[in-house]
Amino acid sequence: MRILVVEDDDTIAEALAHSLGRGGHIVERLADGASADDVLHSQSFDSVILDLGLPKLDGLTLLRYMRDRGDNTPVLILSARDTLDVRIRGLDAGADDYIYKPFEMAELEARLRAVTRRAIARSGGDVVVGPLRLRASERRFFVDEQPLELSPREYAVLEVLLLRHGQVISKAQIQDRLSDWNEELTEAAIELYIHRVRRKLGDCGVTIRTVRGFGYLLQSDDAPAG
């Protein structure tokens, strides 16, 4: 994903950029609301992490500007203001979720994935790689318009790979994606689900590659090697 971090605390912004970048995301950083508003007029992002106490233009005003002009980019508010009133104002202004400082990076990344998935589902848009299609409105995968029968965990594994196709996804990231289940998944279990999904994809024109020492990469067979 391409993520815009709007945060005037340089230590927090750098930590976010480092952690999200290690996860395979492209992260842009801005330290004030006015600059972010200018950028959001001309560039598109998959999600925005937004502090409220920004110089030049505060976070809530920036968020209202976005929503007023029809910009529905998922926004995760990141703020030290842990009060019910501020939380309600943020959500009413159009925020998709709210997380407080200090925060755990794992929780922030999980919430970011959740708001992104919800945005895809709301849009009813499809995510397509070669002949593989995720029909978000139905929460089903199709290969050349034929439904792909997957268990819930197989679906979750393929979803995280598809939503970040072209990027290497580690086993730990897949484990984190499946953390909604109570039992902890071992690396061997992840390998088993990858094997099952590969078998169901067959020779459809989309491949889940193993990148030794790093993780897995989903790409169309037409994609250039690299």
Protein backbone atom coordinates (compact mmCIF):
# COMPACT_ATOMS: atom_id res chain seq x y z
CA MET A 1 0.00 0.00 0.00
CA ARG A 2 0.97 3.62 -0.47
CA ILE A 3 0.46 5.31 2.90
CA LEU A 4 0.57 8.99 3.85
CA VAL A 5 1.70 9.66 7.42
CA VAL A 6 0.75 13.16 8.62
CA GLU A 7 2.52 13.56 11.96
CA ASP A 8 4.54 16.47 13.35
CA ASP A 9 6.40 14.38 15.92
CA ASP A 10 9.46 13.36 13.93
CA THR A 11 10.30 10.42 16.20
CA ILE A 12 6.84 8.89 15.79
CA ALA A 13 6.72 9.62 12.06
CA GLU A 14 10.11 8.02 11.49
CA ALA A 15 9.16 4.95 13.53
CA LEU A 16 5.96 4.56 11.51
CA ALA A 17 7.80 4.98 8.21
CA HIS A 18 10.46 2.46 9.24
CA SER A 19 8.03 -0.20 10.48
CA LEU A 20 5.54 0.18 7.62
CA GLY A 21 8.36 0.31 5.10
CA ARG A 22 9.75 -2.97 6.42
CA GLY A 23 6.29 -4.39 5.85
CA GLY A 24 6.57 -3.61 2.15
CA HIS A 25 4.55 -0.39 2.13
CA ILE A 26 5.49 2.85 0.41
CA VAL A 27 5.33 5.60 3.04
CA GLU A 28 5.24 9.35 2.47
CA ARG A 29 5.68 11.68 5.46
CA LEU A 30 4.38 15.20 6.06
CA ALA A 31 4.55 17.27 9.23
CA ASP A 32 1.71 19.78 8.82
CA GLY A 33 -1.91 19.74 7.73
CA ALA A 34 -1.65 22.39 5.02
CA SER A 35 1.05 20.49 3.12
CA ALA A 36 -0.95 17.29 3.46
CA ASP A 37 -4.05 18.99 2.09
CA ASP A 38 -2.08 20.18 -0.95
CA VAL A 39 -0.67 16.72 -1.60
CA LEU A 40 -4.03 15.00 -1.18
CA HIS A 41 -5.51 17.29 -3.83
CA SER A 42 -3.13 15.92 -6.44
CA GLN A 43 -2.02 12.46 -5.30
CA SER A 44 -3.82 9.28 -4.28
CA PHE A 45 -2.98 7.01 -1.35
CA ASP A 46 -4.33 3.70 -0.12
CA SER A 47 -4.63 5.05 3.42
CA VAL A 48 -3.74 8.02 5.63
CA ILE A 49 -2.43 7.96 9.21
CA LEU A 50 -3.44 11.35 10.62
CA ASP A 51 -2.41 13.13 13.80
CA LEU A 52 -4.90 15.70 15.14
CA GLY A 53 -2.58 18.28 16.69
CA LEU A 54 -0.92 19.47 13.49
CA PRO A 55 0.56 22.90 12.72
CA LYS A 56 -0.93 25.17 10.00
CA LEU A 57 -4.07 23.04 9.62
CA ASP A 58 -5.34 20.71 12.34
CA GLY A 59 -6.14 17.08 11.62
CA LEU A 60 -9.92 17.31 12.04
CA THR A 61 -10.14 20.22 9.59
CA LEU A 62 -7.97 18.38 7.09
CA LEU A 63 -10.20 15.32 7.41
CA ARG A 64 -13.34 17.41 6.83
CA TYR A 65 -11.76 18.97 3.75
CA MET A 66 -11.03 15.49 2.39
CA ARG A 67 -14.55 14.21 2.94
CA ASP A 68 -16.20 17.41 1.66
CA ARG A 69 -14.48 17.02 -1.69
CA GLY A 70 -15.38 13.34 -1.93
CA ASP A 71 -12.00 11.89 -0.97
CA ASN A 72 -12.87 8.56 0.66
CA THR A 73 -9.31 7.41 1.34
CA PRO A 74 -9.30 5.35 4.59
CA VAL A 75 -8.10 7.52 7.49
CA LEU A 76 -6.73 6.20 10.76
CA ILE A 77 -6.51 8.96 13.37
CA LEU A 78 -3.47 8.76 15.62
CA SER A 79 -3.72 11.04 18.63
CA ALA A 80 -2.82 11.58 22.28
CA ARG A 81 -6.27 13.07 22.90
CA ASP A 82 -7.92 10.16 24.68
CA THR A 83 -11.35 11.68 25.37
CA LEU A 84 -14.80 10.57 24.27
CA ASP A 85 -15.64 14.00 22.82
CA VAL A 86 -12.57 14.11 20.59
CA ARG A 87 -13.09 10.52 19.50
CA ILE A 88 -16.70 11.25 18.52
CA ARG A 89 -15.68 14.39 16.64
CA GLY A 90 -13.07 12.44 14.73
CA LEU A 91 -15.43 9.67 13.74
CA ASP A 92 -18.17 12.18 12.83
CA ALA A 93 -15.68 14.03 10.64
CA GLY A 94 -15.17 10.85 8.64
CA ALA A 95 -12.36 8.91 10.29
CA ASP A 96 -12.40 5.16 9.74
CA ASP A 97 -10.71 4.31 13.03
CA TYR A 98 -8.94 5.90 15.98
CA ILE A 99 -5.85 4.80 17.91
CA TYR A 100 -4.19 6.49 20.86
CA LYS A 101 -0.58 7.35 21.67
CA PRO A 102 1.34 5.52 22.95
CA PHE A 103 0.42 2.58 20.75
CA GLU A 104 1.67 -0.84 19.77
CA MET A 105 2.85 -0.99 16.16
CA ALA A 106 1.28 -4.40 15.63
CA GLU A 107 -2.14 -3.07 16.62
CA LEU A 108 -1.78 -0.02 14.39
CA GLU A 109 -0.86 -2.18 11.40
CA ALA A 110 -3.79 -4.52 12.09
CA ARG A 111 -6.21 -1.58 12.30
CA LEU A 112 -4.75 -0.14 9.10
CA ARG A 113 -5.35 -3.40 7.26
CA ALA A 114 -8.88 -3.55 8.63
CA VAL A 115 -9.89 -0.06 7.47
CA THR A 116 -8.38 -0.76 4.05
CA ARG A 117 -10.33 -4.00 3.69
CA ARG A 118 -13.54 -2.26 4.75
CA ALA A 119 -12.97 0.48 2.19
CA ILE A 120 -12.55 -2.08 -0.58
CA ALA A 121 -15.71 -3.87 0.54
CA ARG A 122 -17.72 -0.61 0.68
CA SER A 123 -16.62 0.39 -2.78
CA GLY A 124 -17.75 -2.93 -4.18
CA GLY A 125 -14.61 -2.76 -6.25
CA ASP A 126 -12.72 -5.80 -7.44
CA VAL A 127 -9.02 -6.51 -6.95
CA VAL A 128 -7.59 -8.24 -10.00
CA VAL A 129 -4.26 -9.90 -10.76
CA GLY A 130 -4.22 -11.69 -14.10
CA PRO A 131 -7.21 -14.07 -14.16
CA LEU A 132 -7.57 -13.96 -10.36
CA ARG A 133 -10.27 -11.63 -9.05
CA LEU A 134 -11.35 -10.76 -5.52
CA ARG A 135 -14.96 -9.62 -5.70
CA ALA A 136 -15.06 -7.56 -2.52
CA SER A 137 -18.82 -7.12 -2.46
CA GLU A 138 -19.22 -10.91 -2.26
CA ARG A 139 -15.99 -11.72 -0.39
CA ARG A 140 -15.24 -14.40 -2.97
CA PHE A 141 -12.36 -15.21 -5.28
CA PHE A 142 -12.84 -16.06 -8.94
CA VAL A 143 -10.50 -17.45 -11.59
CA ASP A 144 -11.74 -16.55 -15.07
CA GLU A 145 -15.21 -15.97 -13.55
CA GLN A 146 -15.23 -19.43 -11.96
CA PRO A 147 -15.57 -19.30 -8.16
CA LEU A 148 -12.61 -20.53 -6.15
CA GLU A 149 -13.72 -22.63 -3.20
CA LEU A 150 -11.61 -21.75 -0.17
CA SER A 151 -11.81 -22.35 3.55
CA PRO A 152 -11.89 -19.20 5.73
CA ARG A 153 -8.18 -19.46 6.48
CA GLU A 154 -7.28 -20.17 2.86
CA TYR A 155 -9.33 -17.12 1.91
CA ALA A 156 -7.48 -14.98 4.47
CA VAL A 157 -4.07 -16.14 3.22
CA LEU A 158 -4.91 -15.45 -0.41
CA GLU A 159 -6.49 -12.10 0.47
CA VAL A 160 -3.38 -10.75 2.18
CA LEU A 161 -1.21 -11.92 -0.73
CA LEU A 162 -3.54 -10.43 -3.33
CA LEU A 163 -4.01 -7.08 -1.60
CA ARG A 164 -0.22 -6.72 -1.58
CA HIS A 165 0.56 -8.49 -4.83
CA GLY A 166 4.02 -7.84 -6.15
CA GLN A 167 5.35 -7.49 -2.58
CA VAL A 168 7.02 -10.17 -0.51
CA ILE A 169 4.89 -11.13 2.51
CA SER A 170 6.59 -12.85 5.43
CA LYS A 171 5.16 -15.80 7.34
CA ALA A 172 4.94 -13.55 10.40
CA GLN A 173 2.77 -11.09 8.48
CA ILE A 174 0.46 -13.89 7.38
CA GLN A 175 0.28 -15.16 10.97
CA ASP A 176 -0.65 -11.65 12.08
CA ARG A 177 -3.37 -11.47 9.43
CA LEU A 178 -4.88 -14.69 10.81
CA SER A 179 -4.66 -13.57 14.43
CA ASP A 180 -8.45 -13.29 14.71
CA TRP A 181 -8.47 -17.02 15.46
CA ASN A 182 -7.79 -18.01 19.06
CA GLU A 183 -5.19 -20.65 18.39
CA GLU A 184 -1.69 -19.62 17.37
CA LEU A 185 -0.64 -20.70 13.91
CA THR A 186 2.83 -22.15 13.50
CA GLU A 187 5.04 -21.57 10.49
CA ALA A 188 4.31 -25.15 9.46
CA ALA A 189 0.58 -24.35 9.44
CA ILE A 190 1.19 -21.30 7.23
CA GLU A 191 3.16 -23.48 4.82
CA LEU A 192 0.25 -25.93 4.74
CA TYR A 193 -2.27 -23.22 3.87
CA ILE A 194 0.03 -21.83 1.18
CA HIS A 195 0.30 -25.34 -0.28
CA ARG A 196 -3.47 -25.74 -0.30
CA VAL A 197 -4.06 -22.37 -1.95
CA ARG A 198 -1.42 -23.11 -4.58
CA ARG A 199 -3.12 -26.42 -5.33
CA LYS A 200 -6.49 -24.74 -5.76
CA LEU A 201 -5.04 -22.04 -8.01
CA GLY A 202 -3.44 -24.72 -10.18
CA ASP A 203 -2.02 -23.44 -13.46
CA CYS A 204 -4.42 -20.50 -13.68
CA GLY A 205 -1.77 -17.93 -14.59
CA VAL A 206 -1.15 -16.60 -11.07
CA THR A 207 1.69 -17.95 -8.95
CA ILE A 208 2.57 -17.81 -5.26
CA ARG A 209 6.35 -17.80 -5.27
CA THR A 210 8.49 -18.70 -2.28
CA VAL A 211 11.24 -16.13 -1.74
CA ARG A 212 13.61 -18.07 0.45
CA GLY A 213 14.48 -16.37 3.70
CA PHE A 214 11.82 -13.68 3.20
CA GLY A 215 8.34 -15.09 2.54
CA TYR A 216 5.86 -15.35 -0.30
CA LEU A 217 5.09 -13.30 -3.39
CA LEU A 218 1.89 -13.46 -5.44
CA GLN A 219 2.18 -12.34 -9.07
CA SER A 220 0.74 -12.90 -12.48
CA ASP A 221 2.78 -15.22 -14.68
CA ASP A 222 2.87 -12.34 -17.17
CA ALA A 223 4.67 -10.11 -14.68
CA PRO A 224 8.35 -9.46 -15.43
CA ALA A 225 10.79 -11.44 -13.33
CA GLY A 226 12.80 -9.52 -10.82
